[in-house]
């Protein structure tokens, strides 16, 4: 059975400009929605994190406020408990690309903390792109692409059309003014990406060659479905 790899942040916080540690992790909806799409389509799932550390779901992403009420929150918490593959990751360094047909990076504020500077993740993304297999990242997940920038300032993803959480959305989240940097800014300035955004918190997926990106949590499932088209 074909496998899809989830690469997930190992961080349980995001350090803000004043040094404050904002409790974070991965955003449950962005992992569980695609996880369920892939499982229902018959794929096996494996996970990897920096250091093989079991990932932390952002507590906010498990609350009634972000799941349409307490019933939805309980469904999300149950789904997370049942997604045992995500709770038992390998180290990114131990991934063998040939074992998988695609890679998926969920977002959340956690990826802003560890993935932009994670050399193993950057190497994996570079090799994955070269393999011709789909690379997919959603919301803050594209922060991982910053780790592919070499000493000369270029990346194999330079110039690609992509999306990710917009500055407007981060402002609505209430953390933009306290952040060290914003994802959209660095994708444009550092990665030289052809960044595309839609209205805040509406589904938006961008596909450029084998790179698949989604703008926000509401884009996670549409992104997963778009990826399935490439794998069918």
C-alpha atoms as a PDB file:
ATOM      1  CA  UNK A   1       0.000   0.000   0.000  1.00  0.00           C
ATOM      2  CA  UNK A   2       1.338   3.446  -0.928  1.00  0.00           C
ATOM      3  CA  UNK A   3       2.478   5.711   1.900  1.00  0.00           C
ATOM      4  CA  UNK A   4       2.313   9.447   2.519  1.00  0.00           C
ATOM      5  CA  UNK A   5       4.708  11.081   4.964  1.00  0.00           C
ATOM      6  CA  UNK A   6       3.626  13.817   7.357  1.00  0.00           C
ATOM      7  CA  UNK A   7       6.465  16.072   8.529  1.00  0.00           C
ATOM      8  CA  UNK A   8       5.314  17.855  11.675  1.00  0.00           C
ATOM      9  CA  UNK A   9       6.825  20.481  13.936  1.00  0.00           C
ATOM     10  CA  UNK A  10       8.348  19.229  17.174  1.00  0.00           C
ATOM     11  CA  UNK A  11       7.933  22.609  18.870  1.00  0.00           C
ATOM     12  CA  UNK A  12       5.272  23.269  21.488  1.00  0.00           C
ATOM     13  CA  UNK A  13       5.731  27.051  21.293  1.00  0.00           C
ATOM     14  CA  UNK A  14       6.476  30.042  19.081  1.00  0.00           C
ATOM     15  CA  UNK A  15       8.959  32.587  20.419  1.00  0.00           C
ATOM     16  CA  UNK A  16       7.709  36.129  19.845  1.00  0.00           C
ATOM     17  CA  UNK A  17       9.782  39.274  19.328  1.00  0.00           C
ATOM     18  CA  UNK A  18       9.848  40.117  23.038  1.00  0.00           C
ATOM     19  CA  UNK A  19      11.069  36.627  23.945  1.00  0.00           C
ATOM     20  CA  UNK A  20       7.669  35.435  25.122  1.00  0.00           C
ATOM     21  CA  UNK A  21       6.944  31.792  24.375  1.00  0.00           C
ATOM     22  CA  UNK A  22       3.475  31.535  22.880  1.00  0.00           C
ATOM     23  CA  UNK A  23       2.066  28.037  23.443  1.00  0.00           C
ATOM     24  CA  UNK A  24       1.683  26.394  20.055  1.00  0.00           C
ATOM     25  CA  UNK A  25       2.396  23.171  18.161  1.00  0.00           C
ATOM     26  CA  UNK A  26       0.720  21.867  15.021  1.00  0.00           C
ATOM     27  CA  UNK A  27      -2.845  22.902  14.206  1.00  0.00           C
ATOM     28  CA  UNK A  28      -4.999  19.791  14.612  1.00  0.00           C
ATOM     29  CA  UNK A  29      -7.393  20.545  11.765  1.00  0.00           C
ATOM     30  CA  UNK A  30      -4.516  20.868   9.311  1.00  0.00           C
ATOM     31  CA  UNK A  31      -3.195  17.422  10.186  1.00  0.00           C
ATOM     32  CA  UNK A  32      -6.348  15.441  10.935  1.00  0.00           C
ATOM     33  CA  UNK A  33      -8.388  16.632   7.939  1.00  0.00           C
ATOM     34  CA  UNK A  34      -5.769  15.579   5.371  1.00  0.00           C
ATOM     35  CA  UNK A  35      -4.929  12.465   7.405  1.00  0.00           C
ATOM     36  CA  UNK A  36      -8.544  11.324   7.110  1.00  0.00           C
ATOM     37  CA  UNK A  37      -8.675  12.177   3.386  1.00  0.00           C
ATOM     38  CA  UNK A  38      -5.563  10.111   2.698  1.00  0.00           C
ATOM     39  CA  UNK A  39      -6.626   7.175   4.891  1.00  0.00           C
ATOM     40  CA  UNK A  40     -10.051   7.026   3.273  1.00  0.00           C
ATOM     41  CA  UNK A  41      -8.330   6.941  -0.117  1.00  0.00           C
ATOM     42  CA  UNK A  42      -6.372   3.870   0.975  1.00  0.00           C
ATOM     43  CA  UNK A  43      -2.963   5.358   1.774  1.00  0.00           C
ATOM     44  CA  UNK A  44      -0.805   4.440   4.725  1.00  0.00           C
ATOM     45  CA  UNK A  45       0.538   7.283   6.849  1.00  0.00           C
ATOM     46  CA  UNK A  46       3.900   7.757   8.544  1.00  0.00           C
ATOM     47  CA  UNK A  47       5.232  10.773  10.422  1.00  0.00           C
ATOM     48  CA  UNK A  48       8.556  12.449  11.055  1.00  0.00           C
ATOM     49  CA  UNK A  49       9.573  15.355  13.270  1.00  0.00           C
ATOM     50  CA  UNK A  50      12.833  17.096  14.165  1.00  0.00           C
ATOM     51  CA  UNK A  51      14.557  14.682  16.524  1.00  0.00           C
ATOM     52  CA  UNK A  52      11.688  12.196  16.347  1.00  0.00           C
ATOM     53  CA  UNK A  53       9.958  14.105  19.151  1.00  0.00           C
ATOM     54  CA  UNK A  54       6.236  13.282  19.500  1.00  0.00           C
ATOM     55  CA  UNK A  55       4.419  16.353  18.178  1.00  0.00           C
ATOM     56  CA  UNK A  56       2.165  18.597  20.231  1.00  0.00           C
ATOM     57  CA  UNK A  57      -1.232  19.714  18.984  1.00  0.00           C
ATOM     58  CA  UNK A  58      -1.932  23.362  19.703  1.00  0.00           C
ATOM     59  CA  UNK A  59      -4.441  23.328  22.556  1.00  0.00           C
ATOM     60  CA  UNK A  60      -6.440  26.084  20.868  1.00  0.00           C
ATOM     61  CA  UNK A  61      -7.022  23.859  17.860  1.00  0.00           C
ATOM     62  CA  UNK A  62      -8.805  21.343  20.085  1.00  0.00           C
ATOM     63  CA  UNK A  63     -11.260  23.800  21.640  1.00  0.00           C
ATOM     64  CA  UNK A  64     -14.948  24.284  20.914  1.00  0.00           C
ATOM     65  CA  UNK A  65     -14.225  27.762  19.548  1.00  0.00           C
ATOM     66  CA  UNK A  66     -12.238  26.405  16.620  1.00  0.00           C
ATOM     67  CA  UNK A  67     -14.311  23.279  15.977  1.00  0.00           C
ATOM     68  CA  UNK A  68     -17.838  24.591  15.697  1.00  0.00           C
ATOM     69  CA  UNK A  69     -18.808  23.735  19.244  1.00  0.00           C
ATOM     70  CA  UNK A  70     -17.977  21.172  21.899  1.00  0.00           C
ATOM     71  CA  UNK A  71     -19.252  18.242  19.850  1.00  0.00           C
ATOM     72  CA  UNK A  72     -16.886  19.131  17.031  1.00  0.00           C
ATOM     73  CA  UNK A  73     -14.048  19.617  19.507  1.00  0.00           C
ATOM     74  CA  UNK A  74     -14.611  16.161  20.948  1.00  0.00           C
ATOM     75  CA  UNK A  75     -14.609  14.674  17.445  1.00  0.00           C
ATOM     76  CA  UNK A  76     -11.287  16.384  16.761  1.00  0.00           C
ATOM     77  CA  UNK A  77      -9.767  15.169  20.028  1.00  0.00           C
ATOM     78  CA  UNK A  78     -10.970  11.628  19.335  1.00  0.00           C
ATOM     79  CA  UNK A  79      -9.630  11.703  15.784  1.00  0.00           C
ATOM     80  CA  UNK A  80      -6.277  12.908  17.070  1.00  0.00           C
ATOM     81  CA  UNK A  81      -6.069  10.077  19.589  1.00  0.00           C
ATOM     82  CA  UNK A  82      -6.891   7.564  16.865  1.00  0.00           C
ATOM     83  CA  UNK A  83      -4.262   8.937  14.462  1.00  0.00           C
ATOM     84  CA  UNK A  84      -1.568   6.919  16.222  1.00  0.00           C
ATOM     85  CA  UNK A  85       0.893   7.223  13.330  1.00  0.00           C
ATOM     86  CA  UNK A  86       1.201  10.954  13.992  1.00  0.00           C
ATOM     87  CA  UNK A  87       2.031  10.369  17.656  1.00  0.00           C
ATOM     88  CA  UNK A  88       4.914   8.004  16.888  1.00  0.00           C
ATOM     89  CA  UNK A  89       7.225   9.834  14.479  1.00  0.00           C
ATOM     90  CA  UNK A  90      10.652   8.939  13.201  1.00  0.00           C
ATOM     91  CA  UNK A  91      13.511  11.401  12.915  1.00  0.00           C
ATOM     92  CA  UNK A  92      13.503  13.381   9.688  1.00  0.00           C
ATOM     93  CA  UNK A  93      17.066  12.150   9.073  1.00  0.00           C
ATOM     94  CA  UNK A  94      15.784   8.562   8.992  1.00  0.00           C
ATOM     95  CA  UNK A  95      13.259   9.109   6.195  1.00  0.00           C
ATOM     96  CA  UNK A  96      13.823   7.181   2.963  1.00  0.00           C
ATOM     97  CA  UNK A  97      12.077   9.120   0.199  1.00  0.00           C
ATOM     98  CA  UNK A  98      11.641   5.998  -1.936  1.00  0.00           C
ATOM     99  CA  UNK A  99       9.226   4.628   0.676  1.00  0.00           C
ATOM    100  CA  UNK A 100       6.650   7.385   0.056  1.00  0.00           C
ATOM    101  CA  UNK A 101       4.624   8.843  -2.796  1.00  0.00           C
ATOM    102  CA  UNK A 102       4.205  12.330  -1.286  1.00  0.00           C
ATOM    103  CA  UNK A 103       5.047  14.487   1.717  1.00  0.00           C
ATOM    104  CA  UNK A 104       2.640  16.727   3.646  1.00  0.00           C
ATOM    105  CA  UNK A 105       3.577  19.504   6.103  1.00  0.00           C
ATOM    106  CA  UNK A 106       0.723  20.643   8.408  1.00  0.00           C
ATOM    107  CA  UNK A 107       0.875  24.142   9.820  1.00  0.00           C
ATOM    108  CA  UNK A 108       0.304  25.785  13.174  1.00  0.00           C
ATOM    109  CA  UNK A 109       2.582  28.285  14.876  1.00  0.00           C
ATOM    110  CA  UNK A 110       5.020  25.537  15.864  1.00  0.00           C
ATOM    111  CA  UNK A 111       6.549  25.298  12.365  1.00  0.00           C
ATOM    112  CA  UNK A 112       7.517  28.968  12.642  1.00  0.00           C
ATOM    113  CA  UNK A 113       9.782  28.014  15.556  1.00  0.00           C
ATOM    114  CA  UNK A 114      11.770  25.003  14.373  1.00  0.00           C
ATOM    115  CA  UNK A 115      11.268  24.207  10.686  1.00  0.00           C
ATOM    116  CA  UNK A 116      12.691  27.379   9.032  1.00  0.00           C
ATOM    117  CA  UNK A 117      16.147  26.470  10.354  1.00  0.00           C
ATOM    118  CA  UNK A 118      15.934  22.678  10.367  1.00  0.00           C
ATOM    119  CA  UNK A 119      18.680  21.449   8.041  1.00  0.00           C
ATOM    120  CA  UNK A 120      17.343  17.890   7.870  1.00  0.00           C
ATOM    121  CA  UNK A 121      13.929  19.117   6.789  1.00  0.00           C
ATOM    122  CA  UNK A 122      15.481  21.483   4.253  1.00  0.00           C
ATOM    123  CA  UNK A 123      17.535  18.626   2.794  1.00  0.00           C
ATOM    124  CA  UNK A 124      14.469  16.405   2.669  1.00  0.00           C
ATOM    125  CA  UNK A 125      12.423  19.037   0.839  1.00  0.00           C
ATOM    126  CA  UNK A 126      15.221  19.672  -1.648  1.00  0.00           C
ATOM    127  CA  UNK A 127      15.614  15.982  -2.412  1.00  0.00           C
ATOM    128  CA  UNK A 128      11.860  15.461  -2.542  1.00  0.00           C
ATOM    129  CA  UNK A 129      11.460  18.188  -5.135  1.00  0.00           C
ATOM    130  CA  UNK A 130      14.260  16.667  -7.187  1.00  0.00           C
ATOM    131  CA  UNK A 131      12.548  13.263  -7.008  1.00  0.00           C
ATOM    132  CA  UNK A 132       9.531  14.580  -8.895  1.00  0.00           C
ATOM    133  CA  UNK A 133       7.130  13.454  -6.176  1.00  0.00           C
ATOM    134  CA  UNK A 134       4.554  15.914  -4.814  1.00  0.00           C
ATOM    135  CA  UNK A 135       5.518  18.272  -1.981  1.00  0.00           C
ATOM    136  CA  UNK A 136       2.599  19.762  -0.043  1.00  0.00           C
ATOM    137  CA  UNK A 137       2.507  22.301   2.785  1.00  0.00           C
ATOM    138  CA  UNK A 138      -0.348  24.248   4.377  1.00  0.00           C
ATOM    139  CA  UNK A 139      -0.807  27.469   6.380  1.00  0.00           C
ATOM    140  CA  UNK A 140       2.415  28.049   8.381  1.00  0.00           C
ATOM    141  CA  UNK A 141       3.849  24.803   6.992  1.00  0.00           C
ATOM    142  CA  UNK A 142       5.574  26.590   4.077  1.00  0.00           C
ATOM    143  CA  UNK A 143       7.895  28.136   6.682  1.00  0.00           C
ATOM    144  CA  UNK A 144       9.822  24.880   6.244  1.00  0.00           C
ATOM    145  CA  UNK A 145      10.762  25.960   2.716  1.00  0.00           C
ATOM    146  CA  UNK A 146      13.016  28.648   4.187  1.00  0.00           C
ATOM    147  CA  UNK A 147      15.406  25.885   5.274  1.00  0.00           C
ATOM    148  CA  UNK A 148      16.095  25.095   1.615  1.00  0.00           C
ATOM    149  CA  UNK A 149      17.808  28.447   1.015  1.00  0.00           C
ATOM    150  CA  UNK A 150      21.524  27.945   0.424  1.00  0.00           C
ATOM    151  CA  UNK A 151      24.502  30.172   1.289  1.00  0.00           C
ATOM    152  CA  UNK A 152      24.109  31.912  -2.075  1.00  0.00           C
ATOM    153  CA  UNK A 153      20.558  32.941  -1.164  1.00  0.00           C
ATOM    154  CA  UNK A 154      18.872  30.658  -3.671  1.00  0.00           C
ATOM    155  CA  UNK A 155      16.578  27.673  -3.220  1.00  0.00           C
ATOM    156  CA  UNK A 156      15.235  25.050  -5.586  1.00  0.00           C
ATOM    157  CA  UNK A 157      11.824  26.523  -4.691  1.00  0.00           C
ATOM    158  CA  UNK A 158      12.858  30.058  -5.709  1.00  0.00           C
ATOM    159  CA  UNK A 159      10.297  31.570  -8.068  1.00  0.00           C
ATOM    160  CA  UNK A 160       7.634  28.939  -7.484  1.00  0.00           C
ATOM    161  CA  UNK A 161       4.019  30.017  -7.183  1.00  0.00           C
ATOM    162  CA  UNK A 162       2.864  29.281  -3.665  1.00  0.00           C
ATOM    163  CA  UNK A 163       0.718  30.398  -0.793  1.00  0.00           C
ATOM    164  CA  UNK A 164       0.754  30.185   2.998  1.00  0.00           C
ATOM    165  CA  UNK A 165      -0.758  32.111   5.873  1.00  0.00           C
ATOM    166  CA  UNK A 166      -1.022  35.733   4.756  1.00  0.00           C
ATOM    167  CA  UNK A 167      -0.010  38.841   6.667  1.00  0.00           C
ATOM    168  CA  UNK A 168      -3.683  39.815   6.768  1.00  0.00           C
ATOM    169  CA  UNK A 169      -4.571  36.511   8.405  1.00  0.00           C
ATOM    170  CA  UNK A 170      -1.757  36.763  10.951  1.00  0.00           C
ATOM    171  CA  UNK A 171      -3.035  40.221  11.846  1.00  0.00           C
ATOM    172  CA  UNK A 172      -6.498  38.787  12.378  1.00  0.00           C
ATOM    173  CA  UNK A 173      -4.930  36.115  14.581  1.00  0.00           C
ATOM    174  CA  UNK A 174      -3.697  38.956  16.777  1.00  0.00           C
ATOM    175  CA  UNK A 175      -0.004  38.039  16.783  1.00  0.00           C
ATOM    176  CA  UNK A 176       1.385  39.915  13.778  1.00  0.00           C
ATOM    177  CA  UNK A 177       2.508  42.920  15.815  1.00  0.00           C
ATOM    178  CA  UNK A 178       4.352  40.658  18.277  1.00  0.00           C
ATOM    179  CA  UNK A 179       6.020  38.333  15.775  1.00  0.00           C
ATOM    180  CA  UNK A 180       9.715  38.396  14.892  1.00  0.00           C
ATOM    181  CA  UNK A 181       8.709  38.015  11.252  1.00  0.00           C
ATOM    182  CA  UNK A 182       5.704  37.114   9.136  1.00  0.00           C
ATOM    183  CA  UNK A 183       5.559  34.130   6.813  1.00  0.00           C
ATOM    184  CA  UNK A 184       4.345  35.974   3.724  1.00  0.00           C
ATOM    185  CA  UNK A 185       7.129  38.537   4.072  1.00  0.00           C
ATOM    186  CA  UNK A 186       9.884  35.949   4.205  1.00  0.00           C
ATOM    187  CA  UNK A 187       8.486  33.767   1.435  1.00  0.00           C
ATOM    188  CA  UNK A 188       8.641  36.816  -0.824  1.00  0.00           C
ATOM    189  CA  UNK A 189      11.842  38.479   0.420  1.00  0.00           C
ATOM    190  CA  UNK A 190      14.012  35.464   1.246  1.00  0.00           C
ATOM    191  CA  UNK A 191      12.652  32.625  -0.893  1.00  0.00           C
ATOM    192  CA  UNK A 192      11.783  34.955  -3.805  1.00  0.00           C
ATOM    193  CA  UNK A 193       8.497  33.086  -4.096  1.00  0.00           C
ATOM    194  CA  UNK A 194       5.662  34.103  -6.394  1.00  0.00           C
ATOM    195  CA  UNK A 195       3.288  34.410  -3.446  1.00  0.00           C
ATOM    196  CA  UNK A 196      -0.454  34.223  -4.120  1.00  0.00           C
ATOM    197  CA  UNK A 197      -3.159  35.020  -1.575  1.00  0.00           C
ATOM    198  CA  UNK A 198      -6.929  35.009  -1.471  1.00  0.00           C
ATOM    199  CA  UNK A 199      -9.391  36.521   0.988  1.00  0.00           C
ATOM    200  CA  UNK A 200      -8.497  35.822   4.637  1.00  0.00           C
ATOM    201  CA  UNK A 201      -9.605  32.454   5.963  1.00  0.00           C
ATOM    202  CA  UNK A 202     -11.183  31.182   2.773  1.00  0.00           C
ATOM    203  CA  UNK A 203      -9.992  27.988   1.054  1.00  0.00           C
ATOM    204  CA  UNK A 204      -7.131  28.706  -1.351  1.00  0.00           C
ATOM    205  CA  UNK A 205      -4.813  26.169  -2.963  1.00  0.00           C
ATOM    206  CA  UNK A 206      -1.914  26.921  -5.316  1.00  0.00           C
ATOM    207  CA  UNK A 207      -0.261  24.273  -7.476  1.00  0.00           C
ATOM    208  CA  UNK A 208       2.996  24.878  -9.350  1.00  0.00           C
ATOM    209  CA  UNK A 209       4.542  21.806 -10.934  1.00  0.00           C
ATOM    210  CA  UNK A 210       4.951  19.343  -8.032  1.00  0.00           C
ATOM    211  CA  UNK A 211       4.561  21.949  -5.271  1.00  0.00           C
ATOM    212  CA  UNK A 212       1.141  22.048  -3.594  1.00  0.00           C
ATOM    213  CA  UNK A 213       0.383  24.726  -0.996  1.00  0.00           C
ATOM    214  CA  UNK A 214      -2.662  25.843   0.977  1.00  0.00           C
ATOM    215  CA  UNK A 215      -3.159  29.262   2.534  1.00  0.00           C
ATOM    216  CA  UNK A 216      -4.877  28.543   5.862  1.00  0.00           C
ATOM    217  CA  UNK A 217      -6.637  25.875   7.955  1.00  0.00           C
ATOM    218  CA  UNK A 218      -9.660  25.927   5.656  1.00  0.00           C
ATOM    219  CA  UNK A 219      -7.364  25.015   2.777  1.00  0.00           C
ATOM    220  CA  UNK A 220      -6.014  21.827   4.357  1.00  0.00           C
ATOM    221  CA  UNK A 221      -8.650  19.387   3.143  1.00  0.00           C
ATOM    222  CA  UNK A 222      -8.958  20.986  -0.328  1.00  0.00           C
ATOM    223  CA  UNK A 223      -5.159  20.758  -0.561  1.00  0.00           C
ATOM    224  CA  UNK A 224      -5.216  17.078   0.381  1.00  0.00           C
ATOM    225  CA  UNK A 225      -7.898  16.397  -2.247  1.00  0.00           C
ATOM    226  CA  UNK A 226      -5.857  18.250  -4.864  1.00  0.00           C
ATOM    227  CA  UNK A 227      -2.847  16.129  -3.951  1.00  0.00           C
ATOM    228  CA  UNK A 228      -4.918  12.968  -4.382  1.00  0.00           C
ATOM    229  CA  UNK A 229      -5.613  13.974  -7.987  1.00  0.00           C
ATOM    230  CA  UNK A 230      -1.865  13.955  -8.628  1.00  0.00           C
ATOM    231  CA  UNK A 231      -1.513  10.550  -7.021  1.00  0.00           C
ATOM    232  CA  UNK A 232      -4.413   8.888  -8.821  1.00  0.00           C
END
